[in-house]
Structure formats: C-alpha cells, structure tokens
Amino acid sequence: MRIAYKILDQKQHNLNVEKGGGSIYTLLHIAVAKLDVKAVVKLIVREANVNCADLKSGDRPLHLLVNIFNKNQVAAAKIL
C-alpha cells in the first residue's frame, strides 16, 4: 500500500480514481471495504466521486460503510 499512497500523493501522476481493482468497484469502494482511512482521505482529496455506484449492486461507498458499520462500529467510525 505504500506505493499506492505515494502515487495518490503525487498530482503529476495521471491516475483515474474512478477505476477499480476489478470490473465493478472503484478505488474508493475498495478503500472503504478495507476500512483504509488513509486511502479514503487521499482518494477524496484526488476528487474521487463519493457517489459512484457499483455497477453490479448499485451500492455507493457510503452503502458499503453502513453495512460494515453494522458489523464493526469501531472500525467504520474511523472513516466517518
């Protein structure tokens, strides 16, 4: 993840934050699902679309966070 953080910190890299690690989720969906607060903040700073819907389920990053919050309130609260 250190490499990903460095890339997110550097504005000169042409990084499409709307692309994901697979065919469905965006990078923000993945960061939220992993409860990676640092990555979530960096993606939002890079203007990631916080309302981008998952292509399959229609879930937005906030929907994922609410589902996780119901299972692990302490971890999910860090992102809120």
Protein backbone atom coordinates (compact mmCIF):
# COMPACT_ATOMS: atom_id res chain seq x y z
CA MET A 1 0.00 0.00 0.00
CA ARG A 2 2.93 2.38 0.47
CA ILE A 3 3.34 2.64 -3.29
CA ALA A 4 -0.35 3.39 -3.73
CA TYR A 5 -0.16 6.13 -1.08
CA LYS A 6 2.83 7.71 -2.81
CA ILE A 7 1.03 7.68 -6.17
CA LEU A 8 -2.08 9.22 -4.61
CA ASP A 9 0.09 11.96 -3.07
CA GLN A 10 1.65 12.93 -6.39
CA LYS A 11 -0.60 15.09 -8.54
CA GLN A 12 1.57 14.65 -11.65
CA HIS A 13 0.53 11.01 -11.97
CA ASN A 14 -2.43 10.62 -14.28
CA LEU A 15 -4.47 8.34 -12.07
CA ASN A 16 -8.12 7.71 -12.81
CA VAL A 17 -9.53 7.32 -9.31
CA GLU A 18 -12.83 6.17 -10.81
CA LYS A 19 -11.27 2.89 -11.93
CA GLY A 20 -11.19 -0.03 -9.57
CA GLY A 21 -9.25 -3.12 -8.90
CA GLY A 22 -11.75 -5.22 -10.75
CA SER A 23 -14.66 -4.83 -13.11
CA ILE A 24 -17.10 -3.42 -10.56
CA TYR A 25 -15.78 -1.41 -7.60
CA THR A 26 -13.96 1.91 -7.78
CA LEU A 27 -10.82 2.53 -5.74
CA LEU A 28 -12.97 4.33 -3.18
CA HIS A 29 -15.26 1.30 -2.81
CA ILE A 30 -12.20 -0.87 -2.20
CA ALA A 31 -10.67 1.54 0.33
CA VAL A 32 -13.95 1.73 2.25
CA ALA A 33 -14.40 -2.05 2.18
CA LYS A 34 -10.88 -2.45 3.59
CA LEU A 35 -11.53 0.33 6.15
CA ASP A 36 -8.39 2.07 4.91
CA VAL A 37 -8.93 5.57 6.29
CA LYS A 38 -5.70 6.93 4.81
CA ALA A 39 -6.61 5.75 1.30
CA VAL A 40 -10.19 7.08 1.62
CA VAL A 41 -8.91 10.53 2.55
CA LYS A 42 -6.33 10.54 -0.25
CA LEU A 43 -8.93 9.46 -2.81
CA ILE A 44 -11.36 12.16 -1.72
CA VAL A 45 -8.58 14.74 -1.96
CA ARG A 46 -7.96 13.46 -5.51
CA GLU A 47 -11.67 14.17 -6.14
CA ALA A 48 -12.92 10.61 -6.26
CA ASN A 49 -16.67 10.51 -6.85
CA VAL A 50 -18.12 9.62 -3.44
CA ASN A 51 -21.49 8.89 -5.07
CA CYS A 52 -20.23 6.50 -7.74
CA ALA A 53 -22.48 3.43 -7.84
CA ASP A 54 -21.19 -0.12 -8.06
CA LEU A 55 -22.11 -1.47 -11.49
CA LYS A 56 -23.50 -4.75 -10.18
CA SER A 57 -25.25 -3.92 -6.89
CA GLY A 58 -25.72 -0.18 -7.26
CA ASP A 59 -24.09 0.35 -3.87
CA ARG A 60 -22.20 3.54 -3.26
CA PRO A 61 -19.20 3.73 -0.89
CA LEU A 62 -21.50 5.00 1.87
CA HIS A 63 -23.73 1.93 1.48
CA LEU A 64 -20.68 -0.29 1.99
CA LEU A 65 -19.68 1.70 5.04
CA VAL A 66 -23.16 1.38 6.58
CA ASN A 67 -23.08 -2.40 6.04
CA ILE A 68 -19.65 -2.57 7.64
CA PHE A 69 -20.76 -0.26 10.47
CA ASN A 70 -23.49 -2.73 11.37
CA LYS A 71 -20.78 -5.40 11.80
CA ASN A 72 -17.84 -3.36 13.15
CA GLN A 73 -18.80 0.05 14.50
CA VAL A 74 -15.37 0.96 15.85
CA ALA A 75 -13.57 0.38 12.55
CA ALA A 76 -16.24 2.00 10.37
CA ALA A 77 -16.45 5.07 12.62
CA LYS A 78 -12.85 5.92 11.73
CA ILE A 79 -13.93 6.64 8.16
CA LEU A 80 -16.97 8.67 9.17
